[in-house]
Amino acid sequence: MSVKVRFAPSPTGFLHIGGVRTALFNWLFARNHGGKFVLRIEDTDLSRSTEESIQEILESMRWLGLDWDEGPFRQTERQEIYSQKVEQLLKAGKAYPCFCTPEELDKKRSEAQKAGLKPKYDGTCRDRSDIPEGAPSVIRFKAPLEGSVVVDDLLRGKVVFDITELDDLIIQRTDGTPTYNFVVVVDDSEMGITHVIRGDDHLSNTPRQCLLYDALDFQRPQFSHISMILGQDKTRLSKRHGATSALAYRDMGYLPDAMINYLARLGWSHGDQEIFSREELIKHFSFDSVNTSAAIFDADKLSWVNEQYIQSTPPEELAKHLEPHLVKTGVLQEGHGLSPQEIAKVVPCLNQRAKTLVEMAEKSAFFFRKEVEFDEKAKNKFLTDESKPLLEKVVAGLTALDEFSAENIETLFKKIVEEEGLKLGKLAQPIRVALTGTTVSPGIYDVVLLLGKEECLKRLGNVINS
């Protein structure tokens, strides 16, 4: 069987981490089987769906590299198909108009609760013959009254639902718009979806949807309900612990491949391996290795994974991800004109010192800014009248260097500290502050080599002459 899966977010807000992992598991499953990955926007909730949310979802998917083979489809553009299927059920006697008012339904719900019963629709209009003329109505699915629904879940095995626990589901609202559980079934069948992979919070919808598949003579897909992601306090994700948008992690300086790697490991494993290329994830992904227990979001572990990717990503590729953060943090101006190759020069001396791209951008400011911005405390402590003779010695030594190399720079510094009877730090810190404006930077030899001979002499001269 040719595999075809879908990711179907509702555009009622941003795409959060739980949604991304669902998309990822679908994407990996499709790629592993050489199948197709469909993106569908479930925007039938007209009161809450927004174009802004749709665009954020698309941008998130593109940033993460979760490319789709078909779509993005919008359910609001498929109204005619849903109306035809509602009519099909009505003609077959498998659906009926319900004229109960919201007030009547509230009363029925309240009476059921008082009686200790499950507050479900009691079927008042199920076989109703007195049709109120001109009265608004919803359309309800006429569900079987007894029996059970058996769902074969890839992760959970056979899950059995008692039909008596269900009621007659509304499939079309009074304004003619279809409801979620109905359109999901129609779309999944019409689009040829073979596997429905989604969060286990949808498990309760599955028996209703299975009954609709059967009533419409559709073949049921294979279901797989993956566990939720919990915060470190083992409750649902809060905004403090992961329930922020995918793009927020981009803005915090995380690499897309690091996010993909980390989320793939939330509930899935392949031996003890922690770091995977996308090719490895696709090759090894299988539901045989997916956990049914809830996964715990660990921000520290995510930072560690991101750090590994920062260290291993080729400089020019990393520079492309770093550039927006250089602009956002004000290190570079819009339209700066620097190429990835020029930005990449700073990567080798910083990629072992940063957990995020934001941190890397901030630490690289000394290299990109035309003027040194001094930390006043560092300036007052290290750039004193006593330190100027040391700076002058360094200027003379650098000027005399024929070959501006790391080895020659190190030899020069060691010679000066030996002549002055100092420890290296006593020389390195004043030089570091003069060149970067702060006491925190990459190794002093890396800083000097990175800035280059001309720029170092200029900055040191500015301090000496100030």
Protein backbone atom coordinates (compact mmCIF):
# COMPACT_ATOMS: atom_id res chain seq x y z
CA MET A 1 0.00 0.00 0.00
CA SER A 2 1.22 3.46 -0.89
CA VAL A 3 1.43 5.54 2.30
CA LYS A 4 -0.26 8.94 2.43
CA VAL A 5 -0.48 10.97 5.64
CA ARG A 6 -1.57 14.46 6.53
CA PHE A 7 -0.92 17.21 9.04
CA ALA A 8 -4.08 19.20 9.63
CA PRO A 9 -3.65 22.14 12.04
CA SER A 10 -6.46 24.49 12.99
CA PRO A 11 -5.47 28.13 12.36
CA THR A 12 -6.81 29.43 15.65
CA GLY A 13 -3.38 30.38 17.01
CA PHE A 14 0.30 29.71 16.52
CA LEU A 15 1.82 26.31 15.70
CA HIS A 16 3.14 25.06 19.04
CA ILE A 17 5.68 22.36 19.83
CA GLY A 18 3.11 19.57 20.26
CA GLY A 19 1.73 20.33 16.81
CA VAL A 20 5.21 20.41 15.31
CA ARG A 21 6.01 16.96 16.69
CA THR A 22 2.76 15.60 15.23
CA ALA A 23 3.70 17.10 11.86
CA LEU A 24 7.20 15.65 12.19
CA PHE A 25 6.05 12.10 12.95
CA ASN A 26 3.72 12.24 9.93
CA TRP A 27 6.52 13.64 7.74
CA LEU A 28 9.05 11.03 8.89
CA PHE A 29 6.56 8.19 8.40
CA ALA A 30 5.79 9.37 4.86
CA ARG A 31 9.45 9.85 3.94
CA ASN A 32 10.44 6.50 5.48
CA HIS A 33 7.84 4.70 3.32
CA GLY A 34 8.38 6.78 0.19
CA GLY A 35 4.84 8.09 0.59
CA LYS A 36 3.17 11.49 0.45
CA PHE A 37 2.76 14.16 3.13
CA VAL A 38 -0.32 16.41 2.82
CA LEU A 39 -0.79 19.76 4.53
CA ARG A 40 -4.43 20.67 5.22
CA ILE A 41 -5.66 23.76 7.05
CA GLU A 42 -8.75 22.92 9.10
CA ASP A 43 -10.38 26.35 9.15
CA THR A 44 -14.07 25.47 9.50
CA ASP A 45 -14.19 27.29 12.85
CA LEU A 46 -14.83 30.63 11.17
CA SER A 47 -15.11 32.60 14.42
CA ARG A 48 -11.59 31.65 15.58
CA SER A 49 -9.60 30.94 12.41
CA THR A 50 -7.41 33.76 11.13
CA GLU A 51 -5.30 34.37 8.04
CA GLU A 52 -2.47 35.46 10.33
CA SER A 53 -2.45 32.02 11.97
CA ILE A 54 -2.45 30.29 8.58
CA GLN A 55 0.58 32.27 7.44
CA GLU A 56 2.40 31.58 10.73
CA ILE A 57 1.76 27.84 10.34
CA LEU A 58 3.14 27.90 6.79
CA GLU A 59 6.17 29.93 7.86
CA SER A 60 6.85 27.53 10.74
CA MET A 61 6.68 24.51 8.48
CA ARG A 62 9.03 26.11 5.96
CA TRP A 63 11.51 27.11 8.67
CA LEU A 64 11.57 23.56 10.01
CA GLY A 65 12.00 22.09 6.54
CA LEU A 66 8.81 19.99 6.79
CA ASP A 67 7.99 20.17 3.10
CA TRP A 68 4.61 18.92 1.90
CA ASP A 69 3.75 17.05 -1.30
CA GLU A 70 0.15 18.24 -1.60
CA GLY A 71 -1.63 21.33 -0.29
CA PRO A 72 -1.96 23.45 1.64
CA PHE A 73 -5.67 22.72 1.29
CA ARG A 74 -8.21 24.89 3.09
CA GLN A 75 -11.44 23.32 4.25
CA THR A 76 -13.37 26.53 3.68
CA GLU A 77 -12.68 26.08 -0.05
CA ARG A 78 -14.23 22.58 -0.05
CA GLN A 79 -17.74 23.46 1.14
CA GLU A 80 -19.46 21.94 -1.90
CA ILE A 81 -17.95 18.51 -1.22
CA TYR A 82 -19.14 18.54 2.40
CA SER A 83 -22.66 19.65 1.43
CA GLN A 84 -22.90 16.74 -1.05
CA LYS A 85 -21.88 14.26 1.63
CA VAL A 86 -24.39 15.67 4.13
CA GLU A 87 -27.10 15.29 1.49
CA GLN A 88 -25.96 11.73 0.85
CA LEU A 89 -26.45 10.83 4.52
CA LEU A 90 -29.83 12.57 4.67
CA LYS A 91 -31.12 10.65 1.61
CA ALA A 92 -29.87 7.38 3.07
CA GLY A 93 -31.69 8.04 6.35
CA LYS A 94 -28.36 8.19 8.19
CA ALA A 95 -28.72 11.85 9.19
CA TYR A 96 -31.61 14.10 10.19
CA PRO A 97 -32.41 17.76 10.87
CA CYS A 98 -32.53 18.73 14.53
CA PHE A 99 -34.64 21.74 15.52
CA CYS A 100 -33.80 21.80 19.22
CA THR A 101 -32.90 25.31 20.31
CA PRO A 102 -29.74 26.08 22.31
CA GLU A 103 -31.95 26.79 25.31
CA GLU A 104 -33.65 23.40 25.02
CA LEU A 105 -30.30 21.65 24.70
CA ASP A 106 -28.95 23.48 27.77
CA LYS A 107 -32.01 22.36 29.73
CA LYS A 108 -31.59 18.73 28.63
CA ARG A 109 -27.90 18.86 29.58
CA SER A 110 -28.65 20.31 33.01
CA GLU A 111 -31.37 17.71 33.73
CA ALA A 112 -29.04 14.87 32.73
CA GLN A 113 -26.31 16.15 35.01
CA LYS A 114 -28.75 16.45 37.91
CA ALA A 115 -29.79 12.86 37.32
CA GLY A 116 -26.17 11.76 37.32
CA LEU A 117 -26.26 10.89 33.62
CA LYS A 118 -23.79 11.69 30.86
CA PRO A 119 -24.96 14.98 29.26
CA LYS A 120 -25.51 13.72 25.71
CA TYR A 121 -28.21 14.49 23.17
CA ASP A 122 -31.33 12.41 23.83
CA GLY A 123 -32.45 12.00 20.20
CA THR A 124 -35.56 14.19 20.43
CA CYS A 125 -35.53 14.96 16.68
CA ARG A 126 -34.17 11.58 15.56
CA ASP A 127 -37.52 10.28 14.27
CA ARG A 128 -39.46 13.53 14.44
CA SER A 129 -42.30 13.92 11.92
CA ASP A 130 -43.65 17.34 12.92
CA ILE A 131 -41.16 19.60 11.13
CA PRO A 132 -41.44 23.24 12.31
CA GLU A 133 -41.79 25.38 9.19
CA GLY A 134 -38.95 27.87 8.71
CA ALA A 135 -37.25 26.91 11.97
CA PRO A 136 -33.41 26.79 11.88
CA SER A 137 -31.90 23.35 12.19
CA VAL A 138 -28.60 21.58 12.48
CA ILE A 139 -27.98 18.24 10.80
CA ARG A 140 -27.17 15.34 13.08
CA PHE A 141 -25.64 11.97 12.21
CA LYS A 142 -27.94 9.08 13.13
CA ALA A 143 -25.52 6.90 15.07
CA PRO A 144 -26.24 3.22 15.84
CA LEU A 145 -27.91 2.74 19.21
CA GLU A 146 -25.97 -0.31 20.36
CA GLY A 147 -22.81 -2.27 19.80
CA SER A 148 -19.20 -1.15 19.90
CA VAL A 149 -16.54 0.50 17.77
CA VAL A 150 -13.20 -1.27 17.61
CA VAL A 151 -10.24 0.85 16.60
CA ASP A 152 -6.99 -0.84 15.58
CA ASP A 153 -4.33 1.61 16.68
CA LEU A 154 -0.73 1.22 15.52
CA LEU A 155 0.52 2.16 18.99
CA ARG A 156 -2.23 1.04 21.34
CA GLY A 157 -3.56 -2.10 19.69
CA LYS A 158 -7.32 -2.69 19.78
CA VAL A 159 -9.26 0.06 21.53
CA VAL A 160 -12.96 -0.67 22.12
CA PHE A 161 -15.62 2.03 22.52
CA ASP A 162 -19.20 1.40 23.68
CA ILE A 163 -21.62 3.00 21.20
CA THR A 164 -24.10 3.77 23.98
CA GLU A 165 -21.59 6.31 25.29
CA LEU A 166 -21.92 8.30 22.05
CA ASP A 167 -24.76 10.51 20.83
CA ASP A 168 -25.98 11.83 17.50
CA LEU A 169 -23.18 14.09 16.40
CA ILE A 170 -23.90 17.45 14.74
CA ILE A 171 -22.33 17.33 11.26
CA GLN A 172 -23.68 20.62 9.91
CA ARG A 173 -24.45 23.85 11.77
CA THR A 174 -27.53 26.02 11.29
CA ASP A 175 -25.55 28.32 8.99
CA GLY A 176 -24.73 25.40 6.68
CA THR A 177 -21.08 25.06 7.70
CA PRO A 178 -19.83 21.55 8.49
CA THR A 179 -18.30 20.51 11.80
CA TYR A 180 -14.81 19.22 12.55
CA ASN A 181 -15.48 15.50 13.00
CA PHE A 182 -17.44 15.34 9.75
CA VAL A 183 -15.05 17.24 7.48
CA VAL A 184 -12.05 15.32 8.82
CA VAL A 185 -13.63 12.06 7.67
CA VAL A 186 -14.64 13.41 4.27
CA ASP A 187 -11.27 15.01 3.63
CA ASP A 188 -9.20 12.04 4.78
CA SER A 189 -11.18 9.74 2.50
CA GLU A 190 -11.35 12.09 -0.50
CA MET A 191 -7.60 12.77 -0.23
CA GLY A 192 -6.72 9.09 0.06
CA ILE A 193 -5.16 9.32 3.52
CA THR A 194 -3.98 5.85 4.54
CA HIS A 195 -2.69 6.63 8.05
CA VAL A 196 -4.04 9.18 10.53
CA ILE A 197 -1.23 10.04 12.94
CA ARG A 198 -2.29 12.54 15.60
CA GLY A 199 -2.20 13.35 19.30
CA ASP A 200 -3.95 11.07 21.77
CA ASP A 201 -6.23 13.96 22.74
CA HIS A 202 -8.08 13.05 19.51
CA LEU A 203 -8.63 9.45 20.56
CA SER A 204 -12.12 10.25 21.89
CA ASN A 205 -13.11 11.57 18.44
CA THR A 206 -12.07 8.37 16.70
CA PRO A 207 -15.17 6.18 17.36
CA ARG A 208 -17.47 8.93 16.04
CA GLN A 209 -15.31 9.29 12.97
CA CYS A 210 -15.21 5.54 12.41
CA LEU A 211 -19.01 5.42 12.39
CA LEU A 212 -19.04 8.21 9.80
CA TYR A 213 -16.52 6.33 7.63
CA ASP A 214 -18.82 3.30 7.73
CA ALA A 215 -21.98 5.31 7.02
CA LEU A 216 -20.39 6.97 3.98
CA ASP A 217 -19.00 3.65 2.71
CA PHE A 218 -15.45 4.92 3.15
CA GLN A 219 -12.53 2.69 4.04
CA ARG A 220 -11.16 3.50 7.48
CA PRO A 221 -7.54 4.63 7.60
CA GLN A 222 -5.00 3.15 9.99
CA PHE A 223 -4.99 5.22 13.20
CA SER A 224 -2.04 6.02 15.43
CA HIS A 225 -2.49 8.25 18.46
CA ILE A 226 0.81 9.56 19.82
CA SER A 227 1.28 10.67 23.41
CA MET A 228 1.10 14.23 24.59
CA ILE A 229 4.11 16.33 25.52
CA LEU A 230 4.13 17.42 29.15
CA GLY A 231 6.10 20.14 30.92
CA GLN A 232 8.81 19.24 33.39
CA ASP A 233 6.22 19.42 36.17
CA LYS A 234 4.37 16.62 34.30
CA THR A 235 1.36 18.78 33.52
CA ARG A 236 0.26 20.10 30.14
CA LEU A 237 2.78 22.36 28.49
CA SER A 238 2.59 25.95 29.65
CA LYS A 239 4.09 28.93 27.88
CA ARG A 240 7.02 28.66 30.30
CA HIS A 241 7.69 25.07 29.31
CA GLY A 242 7.39 24.60 25.58
CA ALA A 243 3.90 25.71 24.61
CA THR A 244 5.25 28.69 22.75
CA SER A 245 5.13 28.95 18.98
CA ALA A 246 7.64 27.19 16.77
CA LEU A 247 8.74 30.56 15.42
CA ALA A 248 9.46 31.75 18.96
CA TYR A 249 12.19 29.11 19.13
CA ARG A 250 13.57 30.39 15.85
CA ASP A 251 13.64 33.88 17.35
CA MET A 252 15.36 32.54 20.48
CA GLY A 253 18.21 31.29 18.31
CA TYR A 254 17.49 27.60 17.84
CA LEU A 255 18.44 25.87 14.60
CA PRO A 256 15.66 24.10 12.67
CA ASP A 257 17.63 20.83 12.48
CA ALA A 258 18.20 20.95 16.25
CA MET A 259 14.45 21.39 16.85
CA ILE A 260 13.67 18.50 14.50
CA ASN A 261 16.26 16.26 16.20
CA TYR A 262 15.03 17.14 19.69
CA LEU A 263 11.33 16.68 18.91
CA ALA A 264 11.93 13.38 17.13
CA ARG A 265 13.47 12.06 20.36
CA LEU A 266 10.41 13.10 22.38
CA GLY A 267 8.65 9.75 22.43
CA TRP A 268 10.82 7.95 19.86
CA SER A 269 14.25 6.37 20.12
CA HIS A 270 16.81 4.39 18.17
CA GLY A 271 19.12 2.72 20.63
CA ASP A 272 21.07 5.24 22.70
CA GLN A 273 21.73 7.62 19.81
CA GLU A 274 20.89 11.25 20.57
CA ILE A 275 22.01 13.24 17.52
CA PHE A 276 20.55 12.34 14.13
CA SER A 277 20.80 13.81 10.67
CA ARG A 278 17.49 14.12 8.83
CA GLU A 279 18.53 11.23 6.62
CA GLU A 280 19.09 9.06 9.70
CA LEU A 281 15.72 10.04 11.18
CA ILE A 282 13.95 9.12 7.96
CA LYS A 283 15.84 5.83 7.68
CA HIS A 284 15.22 4.66 11.25
CA PHE A 285 11.76 6.09 12.07
CA SER A 286 9.22 3.43 12.94
CA PHE A 287 6.21 3.23 15.22
CA ASP A 288 7.76 0.12 16.72
CA SER A 289 10.05 2.52 18.59
CA VAL A 290 7.45 5.12 19.59
CA ASN A 291 6.41 5.31 23.25
CA THR A 292 2.80 5.48 24.39
CA SER A 293 3.72 7.24 27.64
CA ALA A 294 3.76 11.03 27.71
CA ALA A 295 7.01 12.75 26.73
CA ILE A 296 8.56 15.40 28.97
CA PHE A 297 9.73 18.67 27.43
CA ASP A 298 13.21 19.50 28.77
CA ALA A 299 14.43 22.98 27.83
CA ASP A 300 17.97 22.20 29.02
CA LYS A 301 18.16 19.14 26.77
CA LEU A 302 16.91 21.21 23.82
CA SER A 303 19.68 23.76 24.47
CA TRP A 304 22.24 20.95 24.59
CA VAL A 305 21.06 19.56 21.25
CA ASN A 306 21.13 23.04 19.75
CA GLU A 307 24.68 23.50 21.03
CA GLN A 308 25.75 20.29 19.28
CA TYR A 309 24.31 21.55 16.01
CA ILE A 310 25.94 24.97 16.34
CA GLN A 311 29.28 23.22 16.79
CA SER A 312 28.86 20.83 13.87
CA THR A 313 27.12 22.99 11.25
CA PRO A 314 29.50 24.23 8.50
CA PRO A 315 30.39 27.93 9.04
CA GLU A 316 28.81 29.29 5.86
CA GLU A 317 25.58 27.40 6.47
CA LEU A 318 25.49 28.54 10.10
CA ALA A 319 26.16 32.11 8.94
CA LYS A 320 22.89 32.07 6.97
CA HIS A 321 20.99 31.27 10.17
CA LEU A 322 23.07 33.71 12.21
CA GLU A 323 22.54 36.73 9.94
CA PRO A 324 18.89 37.50 10.95
CA HIS A 325 19.94 37.48 14.61
CA LEU A 326 22.82 39.87 13.92
CA VAL A 327 20.28 42.26 12.43
CA LYS A 328 17.66 41.71 15.13
CA THR A 329 20.15 42.32 17.95
CA GLY A 330 21.39 45.47 16.23
CA VAL A 331 24.88 44.14 15.58
CA LEU A 332 24.29 44.65 11.84
CA GLN A 333 21.94 47.04 10.09
CA GLU A 334 19.37 46.01 7.49
CA GLY A 335 20.99 45.99 4.07
CA HIS A 336 24.47 45.57 5.56
CA GLY A 337 25.73 43.93 2.38
CA LEU A 338 27.85 41.25 4.05
CA SER A 339 27.89 37.85 2.38
CA PRO A 340 27.53 34.52 4.25
CA GLN A 341 31.24 33.98 3.60
CA GLU A 342 32.11 37.23 5.39
CA ILE A 343 29.80 36.48 8.31
CA ALA A 344 31.18 32.94 8.50
CA LYS A 345 34.61 34.27 9.48
CA VAL A 346 33.42 34.74 13.06
CA VAL A 347 31.91 31.26 13.41
CA PRO A 348 35.01 29.13 14.19
CA CYS A 349 35.96 31.15 17.26
CA LEU A 350 32.39 31.32 18.63
CA ASN A 351 30.68 28.05 17.78
CA GLN A 352 32.16 26.34 20.85
CA ARG A 353 30.99 29.18 23.11
CA ALA A 354 27.29 29.64 22.30
CA LYS A 355 24.15 27.59 22.97
CA THR A 356 21.93 29.74 20.74
CA LEU A 357 22.34 31.93 17.69
CA VAL A 358 21.22 34.94 19.73
CA GLU A 359 24.08 34.31 22.14
CA MET A 360 26.46 33.93 19.20
CA ALA A 361 25.22 37.17 17.63
CA GLU A 362 25.74 39.10 20.85
CA LYS A 363 29.22 37.66 21.34
CA SER A 364 30.23 38.52 17.76
CA ALA A 365 29.32 42.21 18.06
CA PHE A 366 32.97 43.19 18.56
CA PHE A 367 33.84 41.89 15.11
CA PHE A 368 31.04 43.47 13.08
CA ARG A 369 30.66 46.88 14.72
CA LYS A 370 32.75 49.67 13.25
CA GLU A 371 33.25 51.32 16.64
CA VAL A 372 34.08 49.52 19.86
CA GLU A 373 31.30 49.84 22.47
CA PHE A 374 33.03 49.75 25.84
CA ASP A 375 31.71 48.29 29.03
CA GLU A 376 32.50 51.19 31.37
CA LYS A 377 33.44 48.97 34.29
CA ALA A 378 35.87 46.97 32.13
CA LYS A 379 37.28 50.12 30.56
CA ASN A 380 37.93 51.78 33.91
CA LYS A 381 39.57 48.67 35.33
CA PHE A 382 41.82 47.63 32.44
CA LEU A 383 42.38 50.62 30.15
CA THR A 384 44.41 52.71 32.58
CA ASP A 385 47.51 54.86 32.19
CA GLU A 386 49.51 51.90 33.53
CA SER A 387 48.26 49.60 30.75
CA LYS A 388 49.06 51.94 27.85
CA PRO A 389 52.76 51.04 27.68
CA LEU A 390 51.74 47.39 27.31
CA LEU A 391 49.35 48.30 24.50
CA GLU A 392 52.15 50.28 22.80
CA LYS A 393 54.44 47.23 22.97
CA VAL A 394 51.74 45.09 21.36
CA VAL A 395 51.22 47.70 18.61
CA ALA A 396 54.95 47.77 17.88
CA GLY A 397 55.14 43.99 17.85
CA LEU A 398 52.10 43.53 15.59
CA THR A 399 53.37 46.22 13.21
CA ALA A 400 56.67 44.39 12.85
CA LEU A 401 55.08 41.02 12.05
CA ASP A 402 55.73 39.96 8.48
CA GLU A 403 53.30 37.07 8.69
CA PHE A 404 50.10 37.70 10.65
CA SER A 405 49.48 34.16 11.92
CA ALA A 406 48.17 32.59 15.11
CA GLU A 407 51.59 31.16 15.86
CA ASN A 408 53.37 34.50 15.47
CA ILE A 409 50.74 36.32 17.53
CA GLU A 410 51.11 33.82 20.36
CA THR A 411 54.92 34.09 20.21
CA LEU A 412 54.69 37.89 20.40
CA PHE A 413 52.39 37.88 23.44
CA LYS A 414 54.55 35.34 25.29
CA LYS A 415 57.64 37.39 24.59
CA ILE A 416 56.03 40.56 26.01
CA VAL A 417 54.78 38.93 29.21
CA GLU A 418 58.19 37.33 29.74
CA GLU A 419 59.94 40.68 29.28
CA GLU A 420 57.50 42.41 31.62
CA GLY A 421 57.46 39.61 34.18
CA LEU A 422 53.68 39.24 33.92
CA LYS A 423 51.16 36.45 33.65
CA LEU A 424 49.39 36.29 30.30
CA GLY A 425 46.09 37.49 31.77
CA LYS A 426 47.67 40.80 32.79
CA LEU A 427 48.36 41.47 29.13
CA ALA A 428 45.43 39.68 27.55
CA GLN A 429 42.67 41.48 29.47
CA PRO A 430 43.68 45.05 28.55
CA ILE A 431 44.12 43.94 24.92
CA ARG A 432 40.76 42.13 24.98
CA VAL A 433 38.93 45.19 26.36
CA ALA A 434 40.69 47.49 23.88
CA LEU A 435 39.71 45.29 20.94
CA THR A 436 36.22 44.09 21.98
CA GLY A 437 35.02 46.54 24.65
CA THR A 438 34.44 43.78 27.17
CA THR A 439 36.27 41.22 29.31
CA VAL A 440 34.36 38.30 27.77
CA SER A 441 35.34 37.13 24.30
CA PRO A 442 36.87 34.21 22.44
CA GLY A 443 40.55 33.46 23.12
CA ILE A 444 42.72 36.54 22.72
CA TYR A 445 44.76 35.03 19.87
CA ASP A 446 41.52 34.18 18.02
CA VAL A 447 40.27 37.75 18.52
CA VAL A 448 43.47 39.31 17.19
CA LEU A 449 43.63 36.97 14.20
CA LEU A 450 39.93 37.41 13.41
CA LEU A 451 40.03 41.21 13.47
CA GLY A 452 43.15 41.31 11.34
CA LYS A 453 46.31 43.35 11.62
CA GLU A 454 44.95 46.66 10.32
CA GLU A 455 41.81 46.65 12.49
CA CYS A 456 43.76 45.62 15.63
CA LEU A 457 46.28 48.43 15.15
CA LYS A 458 43.45 50.90 14.60
CA ARG A 459 41.56 49.89 17.76
CA LEU A 460 44.64 49.74 19.94
CA GLY A 461 45.75 53.13 18.60
CA ASN A 462 42.37 54.66 19.45
CA VAL A 463 42.72 53.53 23.08
CA ILE A 464 46.36 54.67 23.37
CA ASN A 465 45.50 58.10 21.96
CA SER A 466 42.31 58.61 23.96
